């Protein structure tokens, strides 16, 4: 169970369950040392290329003088936030059909191919 204890000491809680988009935004609050710690963990565990690319890119930014942004690594993850469901399209905002399909509709019968002219 040493694997679990390593996960609990990582700079980002539930690191290995974060989607890539959430990781990209949350890693900005970490120091270079914390990003290096995540990178070492990633390389010895899942070694996911998109994740190592994000971590390497952020590490390079920090080494080039970027500063960690204000933020809380344990803040609510974007995927847990308020989400929109359903379609914003309503019958009032839907376009009118521009013509019946070739097979017809209940109120307008389709025409056989031979009668189209």
C-alpha atoms as a PDB file:
ATOM      1  CA  UNK A   1       0.000   0.000   0.000  1.00  0.00           C
ATOM      2  CA  UNK A   2       2.984   2.332  -0.310  1.00  0.00           C
ATOM      3  CA  UNK A   3       1.426   3.353  -3.609  1.00  0.00           C
ATOM      4  CA  UNK A   4      -1.592   4.820  -1.806  1.00  0.00           C
ATOM      5  CA  UNK A   5       0.545   6.714   0.718  1.00  0.00           C
ATOM      6  CA  UNK A   6       2.511   8.267  -2.158  1.00  0.00           C
ATOM      7  CA  UNK A   7      -0.722   9.462  -3.712  1.00  0.00           C
ATOM      8  CA  UNK A   8      -1.910  11.055  -0.485  1.00  0.00           C
ATOM      9  CA  UNK A   9       1.220  13.212  -0.262  1.00  0.00           C
ATOM     10  CA  UNK A  10       1.047  14.529  -3.838  1.00  0.00           C
ATOM     11  CA  UNK A  11       0.601  18.307  -4.272  1.00  0.00           C
ATOM     12  CA  UNK A  12      -2.771  17.808  -6.020  1.00  0.00           C
ATOM     13  CA  UNK A  13      -5.424  15.699  -4.270  1.00  0.00           C
ATOM     14  CA  UNK A  14      -6.827  12.946  -6.503  1.00  0.00           C
ATOM     15  CA  UNK A  15      -4.125  13.758  -9.054  1.00  0.00           C
ATOM     16  CA  UNK A  16      -4.481  10.505 -10.974  1.00  0.00           C
ATOM     17  CA  UNK A  17      -8.240  11.009 -11.342  1.00  0.00           C
ATOM     18  CA  UNK A  18      -8.066  14.531 -12.794  1.00  0.00           C
ATOM     19  CA  UNK A  19      -8.999  14.975 -16.447  1.00  0.00           C
ATOM     20  CA  UNK A  20      -6.320  16.647 -18.545  1.00  0.00           C
ATOM     21  CA  UNK A  21      -8.169  19.994 -18.725  1.00  0.00           C
ATOM     22  CA  UNK A  22      -8.478  20.181 -14.938  1.00  0.00           C
ATOM     23  CA  UNK A  23      -4.829  19.250 -14.529  1.00  0.00           C
ATOM     24  CA  UNK A  24      -3.751  22.013 -16.917  1.00  0.00           C
ATOM     25  CA  UNK A  25      -5.549  24.667 -14.878  1.00  0.00           C
ATOM     26  CA  UNK A  26      -4.723  23.330 -11.411  1.00  0.00           C
ATOM     27  CA  UNK A  27      -0.999  22.778 -12.064  1.00  0.00           C
ATOM     28  CA  UNK A  28      -0.580  26.547 -12.502  1.00  0.00           C
ATOM     29  CA  UNK A  29      -0.773  27.051  -8.731  1.00  0.00           C
ATOM     30  CA  UNK A  30       2.178  24.723  -8.058  1.00  0.00           C
ATOM     31  CA  UNK A  31       5.855  25.500  -7.607  1.00  0.00           C
ATOM     32  CA  UNK A  32       8.555  23.974  -9.812  1.00  0.00           C
ATOM     33  CA  UNK A  33       9.379  21.445  -7.082  1.00  0.00           C
ATOM     34  CA  UNK A  34       5.745  20.349  -6.829  1.00  0.00           C
ATOM     35  CA  UNK A  35       5.455  19.988 -10.607  1.00  0.00           C
ATOM     36  CA  UNK A  36       8.678  17.925 -10.594  1.00  0.00           C
ATOM     37  CA  UNK A  37       7.153  15.721  -7.888  1.00  0.00           C
ATOM     38  CA  UNK A  38       4.033  15.128 -10.008  1.00  0.00           C
ATOM     39  CA  UNK A  39       6.176  14.462 -13.079  1.00  0.00           C
ATOM     40  CA  UNK A  40       8.246  11.856 -11.211  1.00  0.00           C
ATOM     41  CA  UNK A  41       5.054  10.210  -9.938  1.00  0.00           C
ATOM     42  CA  UNK A  42       3.538  10.192 -13.424  1.00  0.00           C
ATOM     43  CA  UNK A  43       6.635   8.684 -15.024  1.00  0.00           C
ATOM     44  CA  UNK A  44       6.805   5.848 -12.486  1.00  0.00           C
ATOM     45  CA  UNK A  45       3.085   5.084 -12.640  1.00  0.00           C
ATOM     46  CA  UNK A  46       0.838   5.666 -15.655  1.00  0.00           C
ATOM     47  CA  UNK A  47       3.398   7.599 -17.780  1.00  0.00           C
ATOM     48  CA  UNK A  48       0.651   9.174 -19.912  1.00  0.00           C
ATOM     49  CA  UNK A  49       2.220  11.210 -22.712  1.00  0.00           C
ATOM     50  CA  UNK A  50      -0.367  14.070 -22.712  1.00  0.00           C
ATOM     51  CA  UNK A  51       0.055  14.455 -18.943  1.00  0.00           C
ATOM     52  CA  UNK A  52       3.855  14.446 -19.044  1.00  0.00           C
ATOM     53  CA  UNK A  53       3.726  17.018 -21.851  1.00  0.00           C
ATOM     54  CA  UNK A  54       1.523  19.330 -19.747  1.00  0.00           C
ATOM     55  CA  UNK A  55       3.755  18.922 -16.708  1.00  0.00           C
ATOM     56  CA  UNK A  56       6.968  19.424 -18.721  1.00  0.00           C
ATOM     57  CA  UNK A  57       5.538  22.533 -20.387  1.00  0.00           C
ATOM     58  CA  UNK A  58       4.568  24.032 -17.020  1.00  0.00           C
ATOM     59  CA  UNK A  59       7.962  23.145 -15.553  1.00  0.00           C
ATOM     60  CA  UNK A  60       9.698  24.940 -18.432  1.00  0.00           C
ATOM     61  CA  UNK A  61       7.480  27.986 -17.877  1.00  0.00           C
ATOM     62  CA  UNK A  62       8.412  28.052 -14.198  1.00  0.00           C
ATOM     63  CA  UNK A  63      12.116  27.645 -14.963  1.00  0.00           C
ATOM     64  CA  UNK A  64      11.846  30.525 -17.456  1.00  0.00           C
ATOM     65  CA  UNK A  65      10.568  32.851 -14.756  1.00  0.00           C
ATOM     66  CA  UNK A  66       6.819  32.207 -14.609  1.00  0.00           C
ATOM     67  CA  UNK A  67       5.334  32.405 -11.135  1.00  0.00           C
ATOM     68  CA  UNK A  68       2.633  30.160  -9.685  1.00  0.00           C
ATOM     69  CA  UNK A  69      -0.736  31.845  -9.957  1.00  0.00           C
ATOM     70  CA  UNK A  70      -3.061  32.406  -7.042  1.00  0.00           C
ATOM     71  CA  UNK A  71      -5.219  29.406  -6.541  1.00  0.00           C
ATOM     72  CA  UNK A  72      -5.940  26.520  -4.291  1.00  0.00           C
ATOM     73  CA  UNK A  73      -4.859  23.085  -5.550  1.00  0.00           C
ATOM     74  CA  UNK A  74      -7.659  21.556  -3.468  1.00  0.00           C
ATOM     75  CA  UNK A  75     -10.303  23.886  -4.935  1.00  0.00           C
ATOM     76  CA  UNK A  76     -13.377  22.505  -6.582  1.00  0.00           C
ATOM     77  CA  UNK A  77     -12.468  20.723  -9.767  1.00  0.00           C
ATOM     78  CA  UNK A  78     -14.060  22.153 -12.943  1.00  0.00           C
ATOM     79  CA  UNK A  79     -15.765  18.865 -13.724  1.00  0.00           C
ATOM     80  CA  UNK A  80     -17.557  18.961 -10.357  1.00  0.00           C
ATOM     81  CA  UNK A  81     -18.891  22.461 -10.838  1.00  0.00           C
ATOM     82  CA  UNK A  82     -22.231  23.569 -12.046  1.00  0.00           C
ATOM     83  CA  UNK A  83     -22.955  21.955 -15.362  1.00  0.00           C
ATOM     84  CA  UNK A  84     -25.470  22.725 -18.026  1.00  0.00           C
ATOM     85  CA  UNK A  85     -27.654  19.902 -19.166  1.00  0.00           C
ATOM     86  CA  UNK A  86     -30.149  19.689 -21.911  1.00  0.00           C
ATOM     87  CA  UNK A  87     -30.332  21.583 -25.134  1.00  0.00           C
ATOM     88  CA  UNK A  88     -30.764  25.351 -25.345  1.00  0.00           C
ATOM     89  CA  UNK A  89     -32.763  24.774 -28.525  1.00  0.00           C
ATOM     90  CA  UNK A  90     -36.522  25.166 -28.185  1.00  0.00           C
ATOM     91  CA  UNK A  91     -39.263  24.956 -30.799  1.00  0.00           C
ATOM     92  CA  UNK A  92     -39.281  28.767 -30.822  1.00  0.00           C
ATOM     93  CA  UNK A  93     -35.566  28.909 -31.718  1.00  0.00           C
ATOM     94  CA  UNK A  94     -35.549  25.984 -34.148  1.00  0.00           C
ATOM     95  CA  UNK A  95     -35.495  26.758 -37.867  1.00  0.00           C
ATOM     96  CA  UNK A  96     -38.458  25.872 -40.008  1.00  0.00           C
ATOM     97  CA  UNK A  97     -37.924  22.891 -42.288  1.00  0.00           C
ATOM     98  CA  UNK A  98     -37.181  24.051 -45.821  1.00  0.00           C
ATOM     99  CA  UNK A  99     -38.860  21.203 -47.670  1.00  0.00           C
ATOM    100  CA  UNK A 100     -40.303  17.767 -47.123  1.00  0.00           C
ATOM    101  CA  UNK A 101     -37.957  14.808 -47.336  1.00  0.00           C
ATOM    102  CA  UNK A 102     -38.183  12.730 -50.540  1.00  0.00           C
ATOM    103  CA  UNK A 103     -40.238  10.079 -48.758  1.00  0.00           C
ATOM    104  CA  UNK A 104     -42.862  12.654 -47.700  1.00  0.00           C
ATOM    105  CA  UNK A 105     -44.452  13.579 -44.403  1.00  0.00           C
ATOM    106  CA  UNK A 106     -47.825  12.588 -42.964  1.00  0.00           C
ATOM    107  CA  UNK A 107     -49.450  15.753 -44.299  1.00  0.00           C
ATOM    108  CA  UNK A 108     -47.569  15.863 -47.615  1.00  0.00           C
ATOM    109  CA  UNK A 109     -47.036  12.638 -49.503  1.00  0.00           C
ATOM    110  CA  UNK A 110     -43.755  11.974 -51.264  1.00  0.00           C
ATOM    111  CA  UNK A 111     -43.670  11.874 -55.036  1.00  0.00           C
ATOM    112  CA  UNK A 112     -42.449   8.885 -56.991  1.00  0.00           C
ATOM    113  CA  UNK A 113     -39.153   9.564 -58.753  1.00  0.00           C
ATOM    114  CA  UNK A 114     -40.770   9.282 -62.164  1.00  0.00           C
ATOM    115  CA  UNK A 115     -43.187  12.172 -61.435  1.00  0.00           C
ATOM    116  CA  UNK A 116     -40.501  14.706 -60.430  1.00  0.00           C
ATOM    117  CA  UNK A 117     -40.107  17.426 -63.002  1.00  0.00           C
END
